[in-house]
Every structure is written in C-alpha cells, then in structure tokens.
Amino acid sequence: RYWTRDKVTGALERNPSCHGIPSLYSKMDPKFKAVTD
C-alpha cells in the first residue's frame, strides 16, 4: 500500500518502502537514518 495508519494514533502515514525499511531497523546505526534522510 501507499498509505497506512499509525497503530497508536490512527493518523494517515506513508507505508515504508523496501529502501526505507533498513532505517527503521532497531540494530541500525542512527547515523544511517540521518544520512539516508
């Protein structure tokens, strides 16, 4: 899907792409998310 809803707030948000998934991974260095953003 393109859109999904936040499980807590119900707010509409973007579904993660497969290039976006790594930055959400708990073991990933926070600097990785910053640089990919």
PDB file of all heavy atoms in Angstrom:
ATOM      1  N   ARG A   1       0.833  -1.199   0.000  1.00  0.00           N
ATOM      2  CA  ARG A   1       0.000   0.000   0.000  1.00  0.00           C
ATOM      3  C   ARG A   1       0.869   1.250   0.000  1.00  0.00           C
ATOM      4  O   ARG A   1       2.031   1.226   0.420  1.00  0.00           O
ATOM      5  CB  ARG A   1      -0.908   0.042   1.230  1.00  0.00           C
ATOM      6  CG  ARG A   1      -1.869  -1.110   1.327  1.00  0.00           C
ATOM      7  CD  ARG A   1      -3.081  -0.750   2.149  1.00  0.00           C
ATOM      8  NE  ARG A   1      -4.006   0.050   1.338  1.00  0.00           N
ATOM      9  CZ  ARG A   1      -5.319   0.117   1.571  1.00  0.00           C
ATOM     10  NH1 ARG A   1      -5.852  -0.535   2.572  1.00  0.00           N
ATOM     11  NH2 ARG A   1      -6.103   0.842   0.812  1.00  0.00           N
ATOM     12  N   TYR A   2       0.288   2.343  -0.453  1.00  0.00           N
ATOM     13  CA  TYR A   2       0.966   3.642  -0.386  1.00  0.00           C
ATOM     14  C   TYR A   2       0.748   4.268   0.987  1.00  0.00           C
ATOM     15  O   TYR A   2       1.662   4.773   1.604  1.00  0.00           O
ATOM     16  CB  TYR A   2       0.414   4.564  -1.472  1.00  0.00           C
ATOM     17  CG  TYR A   2       1.168   5.879  -1.616  1.00  0.00           C
ATOM     18  CD1 TYR A   2       2.250   5.980  -2.478  1.00  0.00           C
ATOM     19  CD2 TYR A   2       0.789   7.001  -0.888  1.00  0.00           C
ATOM     20  CE1 TYR A   2       2.946   7.181  -2.616  1.00  0.00           C
ATOM     21  CE2 TYR A   2       1.475   8.199  -1.020  1.00  0.00           C
ATOM     22  CZ  TYR A   2       2.545   8.283  -1.884  1.00  0.00           C
ATOM     23  OH  TYR A   2       3.235   9.469  -2.019  1.00  0.00           O
ATOM     24  N   TRP A   3      -0.499   4.215   1.451  1.00  0.00           N
ATOM     25  CA  TRP A   3      -0.854   4.799   2.739  1.00  0.00           C
ATOM     26  C   TRP A   3      -1.128   3.692   3.761  1.00  0.00           C
ATOM     27  O   TRP A   3      -1.598   2.617   3.419  1.00  0.00           O
ATOM     28  CB  TRP A   3      -2.117   5.662   2.619  1.00  0.00           C
ATOM     29  CG  TRP A   3      -1.988   6.832   1.695  1.00  0.00           C
ATOM     30  CD1 TRP A   3      -2.541   6.951   0.454  1.00  0.00           C
ATOM     31  CD2 TRP A   3      -1.257   8.031   1.927  1.00  0.00           C
ATOM     32  NE1 TRP A   3      -2.198   8.165  -0.103  1.00  0.00           N
ATOM     33  CE2 TRP A   3      -1.411   8.851   0.776  1.00  0.00           C
ATOM     34  CE3 TRP A   3      -0.484   8.507   2.993  1.00  0.00           C
ATOM     35  CZ2 TRP A   3      -0.825  10.110   0.663  1.00  0.00           C
ATOM     36  CZ3 TRP A   3       0.108   9.767   2.874  1.00  0.00           C
ATOM     37  CH2 TRP A   3      -0.069  10.544   1.728  1.00  0.00           C
ATOM     38  N   THR A   4      -0.837   3.992   5.011  1.00  0.00           N
ATOM     39  CA  THR A   4      -1.206   3.121   6.111  1.00  0.00           C
ATOM     40  C   THR A   4      -1.575   4.011   7.290  1.00  0.00           C
ATOM     41  O   THR A   4      -1.463   5.239   7.197  1.00  0.00           O
ATOM     42  CB  THR A   4      -0.051   2.158   6.468  1.00  0.00           C
ATOM     43  OG1 THR A   4      -0.502   1.239   7.453  1.00  0.00           O
ATOM     44  CG2 THR A   4       1.170   2.909   6.983  1.00  0.00           C
ATOM     45  N   ARG A   5      -2.030   3.439   8.373  1.00  0.00           N
ATOM     46  CA  ARG A   5      -2.397   4.243   9.539  1.00  0.00           C
ATOM     47  C   ARG A   5      -1.547   3.870  10.745  1.00  0.00           C
ATOM     48  O   ARG A   5      -1.270   2.694  10.979  1.00  0.00           O
ATOM     49  CB  ARG A   5      -3.886   4.073   9.879  1.00  0.00           C
ATOM     50  CG  ARG A   5      -4.787   4.741   8.860  1.00  0.00           C
ATOM     51  CD  ARG A   5      -6.205   4.902   9.358  1.00  0.00           C
ATOM     52  NE  ARG A   5      -7.037   5.596   8.371  1.00  0.00           N
ATOM     53  CZ  ARG A   5      -7.135   6.917   8.248  1.00  0.00           C
ATOM     54  NH1 ARG A   5      -6.462   7.698   9.077  1.00  0.00           N
ATOM     55  NH2 ARG A   5      -7.911   7.458   7.327  1.00  0.00           N
ATOM     56  N   ASP A   6      -1.133   4.888  11.462  1.00  0.00           N
ATOM     57  CA  ASP A   6      -0.373   4.674  12.685  1.00  0.00           C
ATOM     58  C   ASP A   6      -1.201   3.837  13.648  1.00  0.00           C
ATOM     59  O   ASP A   6      -2.381   4.102  13.875  1.00  0.00           O
ATOM     60  CB  ASP A   6      -0.018   6.021  13.328  1.00  0.00           C
ATOM     61  CG  ASP A   6       0.851   5.863  14.557  1.00  0.00           C
ATOM     62  OD1 ASP A   6       0.275   5.673  15.648  1.00  0.00           O
ATOM     63  OD2 ASP A   6       2.089   5.915  14.435  1.00  0.00           O
ATOM     64  N   LYS A   7      -0.569   2.784  14.198  1.00  0.00           N
ATOM     65  CA  LYS A   7      -1.292   1.841  15.047  1.00  0.00           C
ATOM     66  C   LYS A   7      -1.773   2.473  16.354  1.00  0.00           C
ATOM     67  O   LYS A   7      -2.716   2.005  16.980  1.00  0.00           O
ATOM     68  CB  LYS A   7      -0.401   0.631  15.361  1.00  0.00           C
ATOM     69  CG  LYS A   7       0.007  -0.194  14.139  1.00  0.00           C
ATOM     70  CD  LYS A   7      -1.201  -0.818  13.458  1.00  0.00           C
ATOM     71  CE  LYS A   7      -0.803  -1.711  12.304  1.00  0.00           C
ATOM     72  NZ  LYS A   7      -0.320  -0.969  11.141  1.00  0.00           N
ATOM     73  N   VAL A   8      -1.128   3.565  16.791  1.00  0.00           N
ATOM     74  CA  VAL A   8      -1.499   4.207  18.055  1.00  0.00           C
ATOM     75  C   VAL A   8      -2.469   5.359  17.821  1.00  0.00           C
ATOM     76  O   VAL A   8      -3.554   5.418  18.406  1.00  0.00           O
ATOM     77  CB  VAL A   8      -0.246   4.718  18.813  1.00  0.00           C
ATOM     78  CG1 VAL A   8      -0.658   5.448  20.092  1.00  0.00           C
ATOM     79  CG2 VAL A   8       0.689   3.556  19.130  1.00  0.00           C
ATOM     80  N   THR A   9      -2.105   6.271  16.919  1.00  0.00           N
ATOM     81  CA  THR A   9      -2.913   7.482  16.724  1.00  0.00           C
ATOM     82  C   THR A   9      -3.980   7.335  15.649  1.00  0.00           C
ATOM     83  O   THR A   9      -4.945   8.107  15.614  1.00  0.00           O
ATOM     84  CB  THR A   9      -2.010   8.660  16.339  1.00  0.00           C
ATOM     85  OG1 THR A   9      -1.425   8.399  15.042  1.00  0.00           O
ATOM     86  CG2 THR A   9      -0.893   8.854  17.360  1.00  0.00           C
ATOM     87  N   GLY A  10      -3.774   6.362  14.743  1.00  0.00           N
ATOM     88  CA  GLY A  10      -4.706   6.230  13.623  1.00  0.00           C
ATOM     89  C   GLY A  10      -4.453   7.227  12.511  1.00  0.00           C
ATOM     90  O   GLY A  10      -5.204   7.276  11.525  1.00  0.00           O
ATOM     91  N   ALA A  11      -3.408   8.034  12.657  1.00  0.00           N
ATOM     92  CA  ALA A  11      -3.101   9.057  11.655  1.00  0.00           C
ATOM     93  C   ALA A  11      -2.595   8.399  10.362  1.00  0.00           C
ATOM     94  O   ALA A  11      -1.901   7.381  10.395  1.00  0.00           O
ATOM     95  CB  ALA A  11      -2.051  10.024  12.187  1.00  0.00           C
ATOM     96  N   LEU A  12      -2.957   9.009   9.238  1.00  0.00           N
ATOM     97  CA  LEU A  12      -2.510   8.511   7.944  1.00  0.00           C
ATOM     98  C   LEU A  12      -1.028   8.790   7.763  1.00  0.00           C
ATOM     99  O   LEU A  12      -0.550   9.891   8.054  1.00  0.00           O
ATOM    100  CB  LEU A  12      -3.303   9.215   6.833  1.00  0.00           C
ATOM    101  CG  LEU A  12      -3.477   8.497   5.492  1.00  0.00           C
ATOM    102  CD1 LEU A  12      -4.205   7.179   5.668  1.00  0.00           C
ATOM    103  CD2 LEU A  12      -4.220   9.400   4.516  1.00  0.00           C
ATOM    104  N   GLU A  13      -0.261   7.782   7.296  1.00  0.00           N
ATOM    105  CA  GLU A  13       1.167   7.954   7.071  1.00  0.00           C
ATOM    106  C   GLU A  13       1.616   7.067   5.927  1.00  0.00           C
ATOM    107  O   GLU A  13       0.906   6.163   5.500  1.00  0.00           O
ATOM    108  CB  GLU A  13       1.960   7.629   8.342  1.00  0.00           C
ATOM    109  CG  GLU A  13       1.791   6.194   8.828  1.00  0.00           C
ATOM    110  CD  GLU A  13       2.491   5.919  10.146  1.00  0.00           C
ATOM    111  OE1 GLU A  13       2.819   6.874  10.861  1.00  0.00           O
ATOM    112  OE2 GLU A  13       2.716   4.727  10.443  1.00  0.00           O
ATOM    113  N   ARG A  14       2.817   7.342   5.416  1.00  0.00           N
ATOM    114  CA  ARG A  14       3.344   6.567   4.306  1.00  0.00           C
ATOM    115  C   ARG A  14       3.766   5.176   4.771  1.00  0.00           C
ATOM    116  O   ARG A  14       4.415   5.011   5.793  1.00  0.00           O
ATOM    117  CB  ARG A  14       4.563   7.284   3.695  1.00  0.00           C
ATOM    118  CG  ARG A  14       4.225   8.436   2.769  1.00  0.00           C
ATOM    119  CD  ARG A  14       3.627   7.971   1.443  1.00  0.00           C
ATOM    120  NE  ARG A  14       4.496   7.042   0.748  1.00  0.00           N
ATOM    121  CZ  ARG A  14       5.473   7.410  -0.072  1.00  0.00           C
ATOM    122  NH1 ARG A  14       5.716   8.692  -0.292  1.00  0.00           N
ATOM    123  NH2 ARG A  14       6.209   6.500  -0.690  1.00  0.00           N
ATOM    124  N   ASN A  15       3.402   4.196   3.973  1.00  0.00           N
ATOM    125  CA  ASN A  15       3.869   2.835   4.173  1.00  0.00           C
ATOM    126  C   ASN A  15       5.367   2.793   3.846  1.00  0.00           C
ATOM    127  O   ASN A  15       5.791   3.411   2.856  1.00  0.00           O
ATOM    128  CB  ASN A  15       3.097   1.919   3.218  1.00  0.00           C
ATOM    129  CG  ASN A  15       3.088   0.470   3.628  1.00  0.00           C
ATOM    130  OD1 ASN A  15       3.276   0.131   4.786  1.00  0.00           O
ATOM    131  ND2 ASN A  15       2.848  -0.407   2.670  1.00  0.00           N
ATOM    132  N   PRO A  16       6.202   2.126   4.613  1.00  0.00           N
ATOM    133  CA  PRO A  16       7.636   2.116   4.291  1.00  0.00           C
ATOM    134  C   PRO A  16       7.929   1.371   2.994  1.00  0.00           C
ATOM    135  O   PRO A  16       7.323   0.338   2.699  1.00  0.00           O
ATOM    136  CB  PRO A  16       8.281   1.410   5.486  1.00  0.00           C
ATOM    137  CG  PRO A  16       7.177   0.631   6.111  1.00  0.00           C
ATOM    138  CD  PRO A  16       5.918   1.390   5.855  1.00  0.00           C
ATOM    139  N   SER A  17       8.844   1.917   2.207  1.00  0.00           N
ATOM    140  CA  SER A  17       9.333   1.231   1.005  1.00  0.00           C
ATOM    141  C   SER A  17      10.441   0.275   1.423  1.00  0.00           C
ATOM    142  O   SER A  17      10.943   0.335   2.547  1.00  0.00           O
ATOM    143  CB  SER A  17       9.879   2.241   0.001  1.00  0.00           C
ATOM    144  OG  SER A  17      11.079   2.819   0.500  1.00  0.00           O
ATOM    145  N   CYS A  18      10.854  -0.602   0.502  1.00  0.00           N
ATOM    146  CA  CYS A  18      11.920  -1.545   0.884  1.00  0.00           C
ATOM    147  C   CYS A  18      13.269  -0.842   1.025  1.00  0.00           C
ATOM    148  O   CYS A  18      14.157  -1.363   1.701  1.00  0.00           O
ATOM    149  CB  CYS A  18      11.996  -2.726  -0.083  1.00  0.00           C
ATOM    150  SG  CYS A  18      12.129  -2.307  -1.800  1.00  0.00           S
ATOM    151  N   HIS A  19      13.429   0.349   0.437  1.00  0.00           N
ATOM    152  CA  HIS A  19      14.631   1.134   0.708  1.00  0.00           C
ATOM    153  C   HIS A  19      14.515   1.874   2.044  1.00  0.00           C
ATOM    154  O   HIS A  19      15.531   2.262   2.630  1.00  0.00           O
ATOM    155  CB  HIS A  19      14.881   2.159  -0.418  1.00  0.00           C
ATOM    156  CG  HIS A  19      15.843   1.694  -1.455  1.00  0.00           C
ATOM    157  ND1 HIS A  19      15.506   1.498  -2.775  1.00  0.00           N
ATOM    158  CD2 HIS A  19      17.161   1.370  -1.382  1.00  0.00           C
ATOM    159  CE1 HIS A  19      16.554   1.090  -3.461  1.00  0.00           C
ATOM    160  NE2 HIS A  19      17.575   0.999  -2.634  1.00  0.00           N
ATOM    161  N   GLY A  20      13.278   2.065   2.524  1.00  0.00           N
ATOM    162  CA  GLY A  20      13.080   2.763   3.788  1.00  0.00           C
ATOM    163  C   GLY A  20      13.119   1.857   5.001  1.00  0.00           C
ATOM    164  O   GLY A  20      13.325   2.323   6.124  1.00  0.00           O
ATOM    165  N   ILE A  21      12.929   0.568   4.792  1.00  0.00           N
ATOM    166  CA  ILE A  21      12.877  -0.386   5.905  1.00  0.00           C
ATOM    167  C   ILE A  21      14.170  -0.420   6.727  1.00  0.00           C
ATOM    168  O   ILE A  21      14.115  -0.435   7.960  1.00  0.00           O
ATOM    169  CB  ILE A  21      12.505  -1.790   5.381  1.00  0.00           C
ATOM    170  CG1 ILE A  21      11.025  -1.818   4.997  1.00  0.00           C
ATOM    171  CG2 ILE A  21      12.813  -2.878   6.405  1.00  0.00           C
ATOM    172  CD1 ILE A  21      10.588  -3.093   4.286  1.00  0.00           C
ATOM    173  N   PRO A  22      15.377  -0.437   6.096  1.00  0.00           N
ATOM    174  CA  PRO A  22      16.595  -0.539   6.914  1.00  0.00           C
ATOM    175  C   PRO A  22      16.744   0.562   7.968  1.00  0.00           C
ATOM    176  O   PRO A  22      17.212   0.289   9.079  1.00  0.00           O
ATOM    177  CB  PRO A  22      17.720  -0.450   5.872  1.00  0.00           C
ATOM    178  CG  PRO A  22      17.105  -1.005   4.634  1.00  0.00           C
ATOM    179  CD  PRO A  22      15.690  -0.522   4.661  1.00  0.00           C
ATOM    180  N   SER A  23      16.319   1.785   7.657  1.00  0.00           N
ATOM    181  CA  SER A  23      16.490   2.872   8.625  1.00  0.00           C
ATOM    182  C   SER A  23      15.561   2.719   9.832  1.00  0.00           C
ATOM    183  O   SER A  23      15.765   3.367  10.864  1.00  0.00           O
ATOM    184  CB  SER A  23      16.268   4.229   7.956  1.00  0.00           C
ATOM    185  OG  SER A  23      14.936   4.357   7.511  1.00  0.00           O
ATOM    186  N   LEU A  24      14.545   1.858   9.726  1.00  0.00           N
ATOM    187  CA  LEU A  24      13.622   1.613  10.845  1.00  0.00           C
ATOM    188  C   LEU A  24      14.068   0.435  11.707  1.00  0.00           C
ATOM    189  O   LEU A  24      13.469   0.163  12.742  1.00  0.00           O
ATOM    190  CB  LEU A  24      12.212   1.348  10.297  1.00  0.00           C
ATOM    191  CG  LEU A  24      11.597   2.464   9.448  1.00  0.00           C
ATOM    192  CD1 LEU A  24      10.279   1.989   8.834  1.00  0.00           C
ATOM    193  CD2 LEU A  24      11.383   3.718  10.274  1.00  0.00           C
ATOM    194  N   TYR A  25      15.109  -0.248  11.280  1.00  0.00           N
ATOM    195  CA  TYR A  25      15.589  -1.444  11.977  1.00  0.00           C
ATOM    196  C   TYR A  25      16.314  -1.060  13.258  1.00  0.00           C
ATOM    197  O   TYR A  25      17.165  -0.164  13.274  1.00  0.00           O
ATOM    198  CB  TYR A  25      16.518  -2.208  11.043  1.00  0.00           C
ATOM    199  CG  TYR A  25      17.041  -3.525  11.544  1.00  0.00           C
ATOM    200  CD1 TYR A  25      16.220  -4.450  12.183  1.00  0.00           C
ATOM    201  CD2 TYR A  25      18.378  -3.881  11.335  1.00  0.00           C
ATOM    202  CE1 TYR A  25      16.707  -5.673  12.610  1.00  0.00           C
ATOM    203  CE2 TYR A  25      18.875  -5.099  11.750  1.00  0.00           C
ATOM    204  CZ  TYR A  25      18.034  -5.990  12.391  1.00  0.00           C
ATOM    205  OH  TYR A  25      18.520  -7.203  12.805  1.00  0.00           O
ATOM    206  N   SER A  26      15.983  -1.751  14.376  1.00  0.00           N
ATOM    207  CA  SER A  26      16.495  -1.377  15.703  1.00  0.00           C
ATOM    208  C   SER A  26      18.008  -1.484  15.821  1.00  0.00           C
ATOM    209  O   SER A  26      18.622  -0.772  16.632  1.00  0.00           O
ATOM    210  CB  SER A  26      15.826  -2.238  16.780  1.00  0.00           C
ATOM    211  OG  SER A  26      16.107  -3.615  16.557  1.00  0.00           O
ATOM    212  N   LYS A  27      18.628  -2.366  15.022  1.00  0.00           N
ATOM    213  CA  LYS A  27      20.075  -2.563  15.148  1.00  0.00           C
ATOM    214  C   LYS A  27      20.882  -1.619  14.261  1.00  0.00           C
ATOM    215  O   LYS A  27      22.114  -1.646  14.281  1.00  0.00           O
ATOM    216  CB  LYS A  27      20.438  -4.012  14.809  1.00  0.00           C
ATOM    217  CG  LYS A  27      19.876  -5.028  15.790  1.00  0.00           C
ATOM    218  CD  LYS A  27      20.322  -6.435  15.442  1.00  0.00           C
ATOM    219  CE  LYS A  27      19.758  -7.450  16.426  1.00  0.00           C
ATOM    220  NZ  LYS A  27      20.165  -8.835  16.089  1.00  0.00           N
ATOM    221  N   MET A  28      20.194  -0.795  13.489  1.00  0.00           N
ATOM    222  CA  MET A  28      20.899   0.094  12.564  1.00  0.00           C
ATOM    223  C   MET A  28      21.442   1.316  13.298  1.00  0.00           C
ATOM    224  O   MET A  28      20.788   1.869  14.192  1.00  0.00           O
ATOM    225  CB  MET A  28      19.945   0.533  11.458  1.00  0.00           C
ATOM    226  CG  MET A  28      20.643   1.025  10.211  1.00  0.00           C
ATOM    227  SD  MET A  28      21.554  -0.293   9.394  1.00  0.00           S
ATOM    228  CE  MET A  28      20.343  -0.870   8.247  1.00  0.00           C
ATOM    229  N   ASP A  29      22.651   1.747  12.922  1.00  0.00           N
ATOM    230  CA  ASP A  29      23.255   2.950  13.475  1.00  0.00           C
ATOM    231  C   ASP A  29      22.346   4.146  13.172  1.00  0.00           C
ATOM    232  O   ASP A  29      21.949   4.346  12.020  1.00  0.00           O
ATOM    233  CB  ASP A  29      24.633   3.151  12.823  1.00  0.00           C
ATOM    234  CG  ASP A  29      25.418   4.301  13.432  1.00  0.00           C
ATOM    235  OD1 ASP A  29      24.801   5.228  13.985  1.00  0.00           O
ATOM    236  OD2 ASP A  29      26.660   4.281  13.317  1.00  0.00           O
ATOM    237  N   PRO A  30      21.994   4.960  14.179  1.00  0.00           N
ATOM    238  CA  PRO A  30      21.133   6.131  13.948  1.00  0.00           C
ATOM    239  C   PRO A  30      21.684   7.080  12.871  1.00  0.00           C
ATOM    240  O   PRO A  30      20.916   7.785  12.206  1.00  0.00           O
ATOM    241  CB  PRO A  30      21.102   6.830  15.305  1.00  0.00           C
ATOM    242  CG  PRO A  30      21.397   5.746  16.296  1.00  0.00           C
ATOM    243  CD  PRO A  30      22.339   4.808  15.598  1.00  0.00           C
ATOM    244  N   LYS A  31      23.012   7.070  12.713  1.00  0.00           N
ATOM    245  CA  LYS A  31      23.610   7.943  11.687  1.00  0.00           C
ATOM    246  C   LYS A  31      23.170   7.519  10.280  1.00  0.00           C
ATOM    247  O   LYS A  31      23.121   8.339   9.360  1.00  0.00           O
ATOM    248  CB  LYS A  31      25.139   7.895  11.784  1.00  0.00           C
ATOM    249  CG  LYS A  31      25.689   8.547  13.047  1.00  0.00           C
ATOM    250  CD  LYS A  31      27.209   8.436  13.096  1.00  0.00           C
ATOM    251  CE  LYS A  31      27.746   9.058  14.385  1.00  0.00           C
ATOM    252  NZ  LYS A  31      29.223   8.883  14.503  1.00  0.00           N
ATOM    253  N   PHE A  32      22.860   6.229  10.120  1.00  0.00           N
ATOM    254  CA  PHE A  32      22.411   5.742   8.813  1.00  0.00           C
ATOM    255  C   PHE A  32      21.090   6.403   8.430  1.00  0.00           C
ATOM    256  O   PHE A  32      20.924   6.860   7.296  1.00  0.00           O
ATOM    257  CB  PHE A  32      22.246   4.220   8.838  1.00  0.00           C
ATOM    258  CG  PHE A  32      21.643   3.669   7.574  1.00  0.00           C
ATOM    259  CD1 PHE A  32      22.424   3.447   6.456  1.00  0.00           C
ATOM    260  CD2 PHE A  32      20.276   3.390   7.496  1.00  0.00           C
ATOM    261  CE1 PHE A  32      21.867   2.953   5.273  1.00  0.00           C
ATOM    262  CE2 PHE A  32      19.713   2.901   6.326  1.00  0.00           C
ATOM    263  CZ  PHE A  32      20.511   2.692   5.214  1.00  0.00           C
ATOM    264  N   LYS A  33      20.163   6.454   9.371  1.00  0.00           N
ATOM    265  CA  LYS A  33      18.876   7.095   9.091  1.00  0.00           C
ATOM    266  C   LYS A  33      19.079   8.571   8.761  1.00  0.00           C
ATOM    267  O   LYS A  33      18.453   9.103   7.834  1.00  0.00           O
ATOM    268  CB  LYS A  33      17.924   6.951  10.272  1.00  0.00           C
ATOM    269  CG  LYS A  33      16.534   7.521   9.979  1.00  0.00           C
ATOM    270  CD  LYS A  33      15.586   7.340  11.140  1.00  0.00           C
ATOM    271  CE  LYS A  33      14.156   7.726  10.809  1.00  0.00           C
ATOM    272  NZ  LYS A  33      13.979   8.892   9.990  1.00  0.00           N
ATOM    273  N   ALA A  34      19.962   9.237   9.493  1.00  0.00           N
ATOM    274  CA  ALA A  34      20.203  10.662   9.260  1.00  0.00           C
ATOM    275  C   ALA A  34      20.740  10.905   7.852  1.00  0.00           C
ATOM    276  O   ALA A  34      20.283  11.814   7.143  1.00  0.00           O
ATOM    277  CB  ALA A  34      21.182  11.204  10.301  1.00  0.00           C
ATOM    278  N   VAL A  35      21.684  10.071   7.429  1.00  0.00           N
ATOM    279  CA  VAL A  35      22.295  10.281   6.123  1.00  0.00           C
ATOM    280  C   VAL A  35      21.319   9.927   5.003  1.00  0.00           C
ATOM    281  O   VAL A  35      21.260  10.619   3.982  1.00  0.00           O
ATOM    282  CB  VAL A  35      23.629   9.510   5.990  1.00  0.00           C
ATOM    283  CG1 VAL A  35      23.415   8.019   5.813  1.00  0.00           C
ATOM    284  CG2 VAL A  35      24.457  10.058   4.823  1.00  0.00           C
ATOM    285  N   THR A  36      20.520   8.860   5.181  1.00  0.00           N
ATOM    286  CA  THR A  36      19.565   8.498   4.133  1.00  0.00           C
ATOM    287  C   THR A  36      18.410   9.498   4.065  1.00  0.00           C
ATOM    288  O   THR A  36      17.852   9.730   2.994  1.00  0.00           O
ATOM    289  CB  THR A  36      19.032   7.067   4.321  1.00  0.00           C
ATOM    290  OG1 THR A  36      18.513   6.911   5.643  1.00  0.00           O
ATOM    291  CG2 THR A  36      20.137   6.042   4.073  1.00  0.00           C
ATOM    292  N   ASP A  37      18.042  10.101   5.198  1.00  0.00           N
ATOM    293  CA  ASP A  37      17.044  11.177   5.186  1.00  0.00           C
ATOM    294  C   ASP A  37      17.548  12.370   4.390  1.00  0.00           C
ATOM    295  O   ASP A  37      16.791  13.029   3.664  1.00  0.00           O
ATOM    296  CB  ASP A  37      16.696  11.616   6.613  1.00  0.00           C
ATOM    297  CG  ASP A  37      15.770  10.642   7.323  1.00  0.00           C
ATOM    298  OD1 ASP A  37      15.245   9.727   6.653  1.00  0.00           O
ATOM    299  OD2 ASP A  37      15.585  10.786   8.550  1.00  0.00           O
TER     300      ASP A  37
END
